[in-house]
Amino acid sequence: MEPDPRFTLANERTFLTWLSTALALSAGGVAMAAVPAEAFVPWLRTTLAVVLVALSALAAGMAYPRWRNIQRALRAQTPLPPPALASVFGYGVAAVAVLALVMILLAA
């Protein structure tokens, strides 16, 4: 059965949002890696850049499988799959914020 187009389009917008989020995380990681070494503690700056780019890769890599699984559930009229990566991104972004705070405090 064909799902209501509004749900399909909402699913597509969510997919595109995951890709936008991945791009923003990647840009943040690259920007952090480009900060001069003397500006912040080098190992902390590198750790922050790696975490941001890793989250970016995860978001981009999981966007399509999530879109596909939701689309299948919509077509089969079954419950939607749970957002398996929500906690990873929630805690990941929180970790980035804590690392950034530590980096700023150490630079002061």
Protein backbone atom coordinates (compact mmCIF):
# COMPACT_ATOMS: atom_id res chain seq x y z
CA MET A 1 0.00 0.00 0.00
CA GLU A 2 1.24 3.46 -0.87
CA PRO A 3 1.68 5.68 2.25
CA ASP A 4 0.24 9.16 2.54
CA PRO A 5 2.59 11.43 0.54
CA ARG A 6 2.89 13.78 3.51
CA PHE A 7 4.57 11.03 5.54
CA THR A 8 6.90 10.13 2.69
CA LEU A 9 7.88 13.77 2.24
CA ALA A 10 8.37 14.21 6.00
CA ASN A 11 10.64 11.16 5.97
CA GLU A 12 12.59 12.67 3.08
CA ARG A 13 12.98 15.98 4.93
CA THR A 14 14.30 14.09 7.95
CA PHE A 15 16.80 12.28 5.71
CA LEU A 16 17.99 15.61 4.30
CA THR A 17 18.27 17.02 7.82
CA TRP A 18 20.54 14.12 8.81
CA LEU A 19 22.73 14.97 5.82
CA SER A 20 22.76 18.67 6.74
CA THR A 21 23.71 17.75 10.29
CA ALA A 22 26.51 15.54 8.98
CA LEU A 23 27.82 18.38 6.84
CA ALA A 24 27.75 20.81 9.79
CA LEU A 25 29.55 18.34 12.04
CA SER A 26 32.16 17.73 9.37
CA ALA A 27 32.70 21.46 8.85
CA GLY A 28 33.10 21.92 12.60
CA GLY A 29 35.65 19.12 12.76
CA VAL A 30 37.65 20.50 9.85
CA ALA A 31 37.52 24.00 11.34
CA MET A 32 38.72 22.68 14.68
CA ALA A 33 41.59 20.84 13.01
CA ALA A 34 42.57 24.07 11.23
CA VAL A 35 42.86 26.07 14.46
CA PRO A 36 46.52 26.94 15.08
CA ALA A 37 48.21 24.47 17.45
CA GLU A 38 49.23 27.22 19.87
CA ALA A 39 45.63 28.42 20.29
CA PHE A 40 44.51 25.36 22.28
CA VAL A 41 45.99 22.23 23.80
CA PRO A 42 46.89 20.22 20.67
CA TRP A 43 45.69 16.78 21.82
CA LEU A 44 42.36 18.21 22.97
CA ARG A 45 41.89 20.14 19.71
CA THR A 46 42.64 16.98 17.72
CA THR A 47 40.30 14.90 19.88
CA LEU A 48 37.50 17.38 19.36
CA ALA A 49 38.07 17.43 15.59
CA VAL A 50 38.09 13.62 15.43
CA VAL A 51 34.87 13.32 17.48
CA LEU A 52 33.11 15.86 15.26
CA VAL A 53 34.18 14.19 12.02
CA ALA A 54 33.34 10.71 13.40
CA LEU A 55 29.84 11.89 14.34
CA SER A 56 29.57 13.37 10.86
CA ALA A 57 30.47 10.08 9.20
CA LEU A 58 28.02 8.21 11.42
CA ALA A 59 25.18 10.64 10.64
CA ALA A 60 25.82 10.51 6.90
CA GLY A 61 26.29 6.75 6.87
CA MET A 62 23.10 6.04 8.80
CA ALA A 63 20.84 8.58 7.07
CA TYR A 64 19.87 6.41 4.12
CA PRO A 65 19.36 3.13 6.03
CA ARG A 66 17.13 5.00 8.49
CA TRP A 67 15.15 6.60 5.64
CA ARG A 68 14.76 3.20 3.96
CA ASN A 69 13.63 1.43 7.17
CA ILE A 70 11.05 4.10 7.90
CA GLN A 71 9.81 4.05 4.32
CA ARG A 72 9.35 0.26 4.53
CA ALA A 73 7.44 0.60 7.79
CA LEU A 74 5.21 3.29 6.29
CA ARG A 75 4.42 1.10 3.28
CA ALA A 76 3.76 -1.97 5.44
CA GLN A 77 1.80 0.08 7.99
CA THR A 78 3.93 -1.30 10.81
CA PRO A 79 5.41 0.57 13.79
CA LEU A 80 8.29 2.85 12.95
CA PRO A 81 11.75 1.68 14.01
CA PRO A 82 13.14 3.38 17.11
CA PRO A 83 15.73 6.12 16.66
CA ALA A 84 18.70 3.87 17.48
CA LEU A 85 21.32 6.59 17.13
CA ALA A 86 19.55 9.32 19.07
CA SER A 87 21.49 8.60 22.25
CA VAL A 88 24.80 8.41 20.33
CA PHE A 89 24.26 11.87 18.87
CA GLY A 90 22.88 13.33 22.09
CA TYR A 91 25.84 12.13 24.13
CA GLY A 92 28.26 12.82 21.28
CA VAL A 93 27.24 16.46 20.99
CA ALA A 94 27.32 16.77 24.79
CA ALA A 95 30.87 15.35 24.80
CA VAL A 96 31.90 17.85 22.12
CA ALA A 97 30.47 20.69 24.20
CA VAL A 98 32.33 19.53 27.33
CA LEU A 99 35.59 19.14 25.38
CA ALA A 100 35.15 22.60 23.88
CA LEU A 101 34.50 24.06 27.35
CA VAL A 102 37.64 22.40 28.73
CA MET A 103 39.62 23.66 25.75
CA ILE A 104 38.40 27.22 26.26
CA LEU A 105 39.13 27.11 29.98
CA LEU A 106 42.64 25.74 29.44
CA ALA A 107 43.38 28.48 26.91
CA ALA A 108 42.33 31.26 29.28
